[in-house]
Amino acid sequence: MSTSSKGKHGEDEAEKYLLKEGHTILVRNFRKHLGEIDIISQKGETLYFSEVKNWEIDFLDTPLQIFNKKKISKMRKLAELFLVEKGFLSKYYVSFCLLYIQKGEIIFYKDLF
């Protein structure tokens, strides 16, 4: 399986998981010049900006390993662009998340930063 098809498969699985957990999917692959957020979802009063990682092997000690300062800054800026674009600035709480998929199991890390 190619990297892009593996990534799409992981995002498909993550979307199914979020729907099962009661989320509404607002956008997949929100792209701007800064980069991309894999999935933006809503549940109640919270918007979830999620990175999806799909790995065959387990090497993640902590979910924050995925997010260096540059990645955190990009995700925050992309989230702000989304909120401004949609007129959501003061309407929702925001959570930055990781959906970590390893050997078919999904772990949803919320409120990482």
N, C-alpha and C. Protein backbone atom coordinates (compact mmCIF):
# COMPACT_ATOMS: atom_id res chain seq x y z
N MET A 1 0.85 -1.17 0.00
CA MET A 1 0.00 0.00 0.00
C MET A 1 0.89 1.24 0.00
N SER A 2 0.60 2.19 -0.88
CA SER A 2 1.41 3.41 -0.96
C SER A 2 1.17 4.28 0.27
N THR A 3 2.08 5.22 0.48
CA THR A 3 1.97 6.11 1.64
C THR A 3 0.68 6.92 1.59
N SER A 4 0.33 7.43 0.39
CA SER A 4 -0.89 8.24 0.29
C SER A 4 -2.15 7.41 0.50
N SER A 5 -2.17 6.17 -0.03
CA SER A 5 -3.36 5.33 0.18
C SER A 5 -3.44 4.86 1.64
N LYS A 6 -2.29 4.64 2.27
CA LYS A 6 -2.26 4.29 3.69
C LYS A 6 -2.78 5.46 4.53
N GLY A 7 -2.37 6.67 4.15
CA GLY A 7 -2.85 7.86 4.85
C GLY A 7 -4.35 8.05 4.71
N LYS A 8 -4.86 7.87 3.48
CA LYS A 8 -6.30 8.00 3.24
C LYS A 8 -7.07 6.94 4.01
N HIS A 9 -6.54 5.72 4.02
CA HIS A 9 -7.19 4.64 4.76
C HIS A 9 -7.25 4.99 6.26
N GLY A 10 -6.15 5.51 6.78
CA GLY A 10 -6.11 5.92 8.19
C GLY A 10 -7.13 7.01 8.48
N GLU A 11 -7.23 7.99 7.57
CA GLU A 11 -8.20 9.06 7.75
C GLU A 11 -9.63 8.53 7.67
N ASP A 12 -9.87 7.57 6.78
CA ASP A 12 -11.21 6.94 6.69
C ASP A 12 -11.57 6.26 8.01
N GLU A 13 -10.61 5.52 8.56
CA GLU A 13 -10.85 4.83 9.84
C GLU A 13 -11.06 5.83 10.98
N ALA A 14 -10.26 6.90 10.97
CA ALA A 14 -10.39 7.93 12.00
C ALA A 14 -11.76 8.60 11.91
N GLU A 15 -12.21 8.86 10.69
CA GLU A 15 -13.53 9.48 10.50
C GLU A 15 -14.64 8.57 11.04
N LYS A 16 -14.56 7.28 10.73
CA LYS A 16 -15.56 6.32 11.25
C LYS A 16 -15.57 6.34 12.78
N TYR A 17 -14.38 6.36 13.37
CA TYR A 17 -14.26 6.38 14.82
C TYR A 17 -14.93 7.63 15.40
N LEU A 18 -14.62 8.79 14.83
CA LEU A 18 -15.19 10.04 15.33
C LEU A 18 -16.71 10.06 15.20
N LEU A 19 -17.21 9.58 14.07
CA LEU A 19 -18.67 9.51 13.88
C LEU A 19 -19.31 8.62 14.93
N LYS A 20 -18.67 7.48 15.19
CA LYS A 20 -19.17 6.55 16.21
C LYS A 20 -19.18 7.21 17.60
N GLU A 21 -18.22 8.11 17.83
CA GLU A 21 -18.12 8.81 19.12
C GLU A 21 -19.03 10.03 19.19
N GLY A 22 -19.84 10.26 18.16
CA GLY A 22 -20.80 11.36 18.20
C GLY A 22 -20.35 12.67 17.59
N HIS A 23 -19.23 12.66 16.88
CA HIS A 23 -18.74 13.87 16.22
C HIS A 23 -19.45 14.08 14.89
N THR A 24 -19.52 15.33 14.48
CA THR A 24 -19.92 15.69 13.13
C THR A 24 -18.64 16.09 12.40
N ILE A 25 -18.39 15.50 11.25
CA ILE A 25 -17.19 15.84 10.47
C ILE A 25 -17.50 17.11 9.69
N LEU A 26 -16.71 18.16 9.93
CA LEU A 26 -16.90 19.42 9.22
C LEU A 26 -16.05 19.48 7.96
N VAL A 27 -14.80 19.04 8.06
CA VAL A 27 -13.88 19.10 6.92
C VAL A 27 -12.84 18.00 7.05
N ARG A 28 -12.51 17.40 5.92
CA ARG A 28 -11.33 16.54 5.85
C ARG A 28 -10.31 17.23 4.96
N ASN A 29 -9.07 17.14 5.37
CA ASN A 29 -7.96 17.71 4.60
C ASN A 29 -8.14 19.20 4.33
N PHE A 30 -8.27 19.96 5.42
CA PHE A 30 -8.37 21.42 5.32
C PHE A 30 -6.98 21.94 4.94
N ARG A 31 -6.85 22.42 3.69
CA ARG A 31 -5.55 22.83 3.16
C ARG A 31 -5.50 24.34 2.92
N LYS A 32 -4.40 24.92 3.33
CA LYS A 32 -4.07 26.31 3.05
C LYS A 32 -2.57 26.35 2.75
N HIS A 33 -2.06 27.54 2.45
CA HIS A 33 -0.64 27.66 2.10
C HIS A 33 0.28 27.19 3.23
N LEU A 34 -0.18 27.23 4.47
CA LEU A 34 0.63 26.81 5.62
C LEU A 34 0.76 25.30 5.76
N GLY A 35 -0.24 24.58 5.26
CA GLY A 35 -0.24 23.13 5.44
C GLY A 35 -1.65 22.59 5.46
N GLU A 36 -1.84 21.53 6.25
CA GLU A 36 -3.12 20.82 6.24
C GLU A 36 -3.48 20.31 7.63
N ILE A 37 -4.77 20.33 7.92
CA ILE A 37 -5.30 19.63 9.09
C ILE A 37 -6.11 18.47 8.56
N ASP A 38 -5.83 17.27 9.05
CA ASP A 38 -6.45 16.06 8.49
C ASP A 38 -7.97 16.03 8.65
N ILE A 39 -8.45 16.26 9.86
CA ILE A 39 -9.90 16.22 10.11
C ILE A 39 -10.28 17.32 11.10
N ILE A 40 -11.34 18.05 10.75
CA ILE A 40 -11.93 19.01 11.67
C ILE A 40 -13.33 18.51 11.97
N SER A 41 -13.60 18.30 13.25
CA SER A 41 -14.91 17.77 13.65
C SER A 41 -15.49 18.61 14.78
N GLN A 42 -16.76 18.38 15.02
CA GLN A 42 -17.45 19.08 16.10
C GLN A 42 -18.23 18.09 16.93
N LYS A 43 -18.18 18.31 18.23
CA LYS A 43 -19.03 17.56 19.15
C LYS A 43 -19.43 18.54 20.24
N GLY A 44 -20.71 18.81 20.33
CA GLY A 44 -21.18 19.78 21.31
C GLY A 44 -20.62 21.16 21.02
N GLU A 45 -20.05 21.76 22.05
CA GLU A 45 -19.51 23.12 21.96
C GLU A 45 -18.03 23.16 21.57
N THR A 46 -17.47 22.01 21.15
CA THR A 46 -16.03 21.93 20.88
C THR A 46 -15.76 21.57 19.43
N LEU A 47 -14.78 22.27 18.85
CA LEU A 47 -14.24 21.91 17.54
C LEU A 47 -12.93 21.18 17.76
N TYR A 48 -12.76 20.06 17.08
CA TYR A 48 -11.57 19.22 17.21
C TYR A 48 -10.75 19.31 15.93
N PHE A 49 -9.51 19.77 16.06
CA PHE A 49 -8.58 19.87 14.94
C PHE A 49 -7.60 18.70 15.10
N SER A 50 -7.74 17.70 14.23
CA SER A 50 -7.04 16.43 14.46
C SER A 50 -6.03 16.08 13.38
N GLU A 51 -4.89 15.62 13.85
CA GLU A 51 -3.86 15.00 13.02
C GLU A 51 -4.10 13.50 13.10
N VAL A 52 -3.99 12.82 11.97
CA VAL A 52 -4.16 11.36 11.94
C VAL A 52 -2.81 10.74 11.59
N LYS A 53 -2.38 9.78 12.40
CA LYS A 53 -1.15 9.04 12.13
C LYS A 53 -1.46 7.56 12.16
N ASN A 54 -1.06 6.87 11.11
CA ASN A 54 -1.35 5.45 10.92
C ASN A 54 -0.02 4.71 10.78
N TRP A 55 0.37 3.94 11.80
CA TRP A 55 1.64 3.24 11.78
C TRP A 55 1.46 1.75 11.98
N GLU A 56 2.33 1.01 11.34
CA GLU A 56 2.34 -0.45 11.48
C GLU A 56 3.01 -0.87 12.79
N ILE A 57 4.02 -0.10 13.19
CA ILE A 57 4.77 -0.45 14.40
C ILE A 57 4.52 0.60 15.47
N ASP A 58 4.69 0.22 16.72
CA ASP A 58 4.45 1.12 17.83
C ASP A 58 5.77 1.72 18.28
N PHE A 59 5.94 3.02 18.04
CA PHE A 59 7.14 3.67 18.54
C PHE A 59 6.80 4.99 19.22
N LEU A 60 5.55 5.18 19.53
CA LEU A 60 5.11 6.43 20.13
C LEU A 60 5.15 6.33 21.66
N ASP A 61 6.06 7.08 22.28
CA ASP A 61 6.13 7.12 23.74
C ASP A 61 5.08 8.08 24.30
N THR A 62 4.93 9.21 23.64
CA THR A 62 3.96 10.22 24.05
C THR A 62 3.37 10.87 22.80
N PRO A 63 2.10 11.22 22.81
CA PRO A 63 1.51 11.81 21.61
C PRO A 63 2.16 13.12 21.20
N LEU A 64 2.77 13.81 22.14
CA LEU A 64 3.41 15.07 21.79
C LEU A 64 4.67 14.89 20.95
N GLN A 65 5.16 13.65 20.82
CA GLN A 65 6.29 13.39 19.93
C GLN A 65 5.98 13.81 18.50
N ILE A 66 4.72 13.74 18.11
CA ILE A 66 4.29 14.05 16.76
C ILE A 66 4.40 15.54 16.48
N PHE A 67 4.27 16.36 17.53
CA PHE A 67 4.12 17.80 17.36
C PHE A 67 5.35 18.55 17.84
N ASN A 68 6.19 18.98 16.90
CA ASN A 68 7.28 19.88 17.27
C ASN A 68 6.72 21.31 17.28
N LYS A 69 7.53 22.28 17.66
CA LYS A 69 7.06 23.66 17.77
C LYS A 69 6.51 24.18 16.44
N LYS A 70 7.16 23.82 15.35
CA LYS A 70 6.72 24.27 14.03
C LYS A 70 5.34 23.69 13.69
N LYS A 71 5.13 22.41 13.95
CA LYS A 71 3.85 21.75 13.67
C LYS A 71 2.74 22.35 14.54
N ILE A 72 3.02 22.59 15.81
CA ILE A 72 2.04 23.20 16.71
C ILE A 72 1.64 24.58 16.20
N SER A 73 2.64 25.38 15.83
CA SER A 73 2.38 26.72 15.33
C SER A 73 1.52 26.68 14.06
N LYS A 74 1.85 25.77 13.15
CA LYS A 74 1.08 25.64 11.90
C LYS A 74 -0.36 25.23 12.18
N MET A 75 -0.55 24.27 13.07
CA MET A 75 -1.91 23.82 13.38
C MET A 75 -2.73 24.94 14.00
N ARG A 76 -2.12 25.70 14.89
CA ARG A 76 -2.84 26.82 15.51
C ARG A 76 -3.23 27.87 14.47
N LYS A 77 -2.30 28.19 13.57
CA LYS A 77 -2.59 29.18 12.53
C LYS A 77 -3.66 28.67 11.56
N LEU A 78 -3.57 27.41 11.19
CA LEU A 78 -4.59 26.82 10.31
C LEU A 78 -5.96 26.82 10.98
N ALA A 79 -5.99 26.48 12.26
CA ALA A 79 -7.26 26.50 13.00
C ALA A 79 -7.83 27.91 13.04
N GLU A 80 -6.98 28.89 13.26
CA GLU A 80 -7.44 30.28 13.28
C GLU A 80 -8.01 30.68 11.92
N LEU A 81 -7.33 30.29 10.84
CA LEU A 81 -7.84 30.58 9.50
C LEU A 81 -9.22 29.95 9.29
N PHE A 82 -9.38 28.71 9.73
CA PHE A 82 -10.66 28.02 9.60
C PHE A 82 -11.75 28.76 10.39
N LEU A 83 -11.44 29.12 11.63
CA LEU A 83 -12.41 29.80 12.49
C LEU A 83 -12.84 31.14 11.91
N VAL A 84 -11.89 31.90 11.38
CA VAL A 84 -12.20 33.19 10.77
C VAL A 84 -13.02 32.98 9.50
N GLU A 85 -12.58 32.05 8.66
CA GLU A 85 -13.26 31.76 7.40
C GLU A 85 -14.72 31.37 7.62
N LYS A 86 -14.99 30.59 8.66
CA LYS A 86 -16.34 30.09 8.92
C LYS A 86 -17.14 30.98 9.87
N GLY A 87 -16.51 32.03 10.41
CA GLY A 87 -17.20 32.91 11.35
C GLY A 87 -17.45 32.28 12.71
N PHE A 88 -16.56 31.37 13.12
CA PHE A 88 -16.73 30.62 14.37
C PHE A 88 -15.89 31.16 15.53
N LEU A 89 -15.28 32.33 15.38
CA LEU A 89 -14.25 32.76 16.32
C LEU A 89 -14.62 32.65 17.80
N SER A 90 -15.77 33.09 18.21
CA SER A 90 -16.06 33.06 19.65
C SER A 90 -17.17 32.09 20.01
N LYS A 91 -17.49 31.18 19.11
CA LYS A 91 -18.63 30.30 19.33
C LYS A 91 -18.27 28.94 19.93
N TYR A 92 -17.02 28.52 19.83
CA TYR A 92 -16.66 27.16 20.21
C TYR A 92 -15.38 27.11 21.03
N TYR A 93 -15.27 26.05 21.83
CA TYR A 93 -13.99 25.68 22.42
C TYR A 93 -13.20 24.98 21.33
N VAL A 94 -11.88 24.97 21.47
CA VAL A 94 -11.01 24.35 20.47
C VAL A 94 -10.14 23.30 21.15
N SER A 95 -10.00 22.15 20.49
CA SER A 95 -9.14 21.08 20.99
C SER A 95 -8.23 20.61 19.85
N PHE A 96 -6.93 20.56 20.12
CA PHE A 96 -5.98 20.03 19.14
C PHE A 96 -5.69 18.59 19.52
N CYS A 97 -5.81 17.69 18.54
CA CYS A 97 -5.85 16.26 18.84
C CYS A 97 -4.96 15.44 17.92
N LEU A 98 -4.77 14.20 18.35
CA LEU A 98 -4.10 13.18 17.54
C LEU A 98 -4.97 11.94 17.55
N LEU A 99 -5.24 11.43 16.36
CA LEU A 99 -5.87 10.11 16.22
C LEU A 99 -4.74 9.18 15.78
N TYR A 100 -4.30 8.36 16.70
CA TYR A 100 -3.15 7.48 16.49
C TYR A 100 -3.67 6.08 16.20
N ILE A 101 -3.37 5.58 15.00
CA ILE A 101 -3.83 4.27 14.58
C ILE A 101 -2.63 3.35 14.49
N GLN A 102 -2.69 2.25 15.24
CA GLN A 102 -1.59 1.31 15.24
C GLN A 102 -2.17 -0.09 15.30
N LYS A 103 -1.89 -0.86 14.27
CA LYS A 103 -2.39 -2.23 14.16
C LYS A 103 -3.91 -2.30 14.32
N GLY A 104 -4.61 -1.36 13.69
CA GLY A 104 -6.07 -1.37 13.69
C GLY A 104 -6.73 -0.77 14.91
N GLU A 105 -5.95 -0.44 15.93
CA GLU A 105 -6.51 0.18 17.14
C GLU A 105 -6.36 1.69 17.04
N ILE A 106 -7.41 2.42 17.44
CA ILE A 106 -7.38 3.88 17.39
C ILE A 106 -7.38 4.43 18.81
N ILE A 107 -6.41 5.31 19.05
CA ILE A 107 -6.35 6.02 20.33
C ILE A 107 -6.55 7.50 20.01
N PHE A 108 -7.50 8.13 20.68
CA PHE A 108 -7.85 9.52 20.44
C PHE A 108 -7.30 10.37 21.58
N TYR A 109 -6.24 11.13 21.29
CA TYR A 109 -5.64 12.03 22.28
C TYR A 109 -6.22 13.42 22.05
N LYS A 110 -6.91 13.96 23.06
CA LYS A 110 -7.53 15.28 22.95
C LYS A 110 -6.74 16.30 23.76
N ASP A 111 -6.97 17.57 23.43
CA ASP A 111 -6.42 18.69 24.21
C ASP A 111 -4.91 18.58 24.42
N LEU A 112 -4.18 18.32 23.35
CA LEU A 112 -2.74 18.13 23.47
C LEU A 112 -1.97 19.43 23.68
N PHE A 113 -2.46 20.50 23.11
CA PHE A 113 -1.81 21.81 23.29
C PHE A 113 -2.82 22.91 23.08
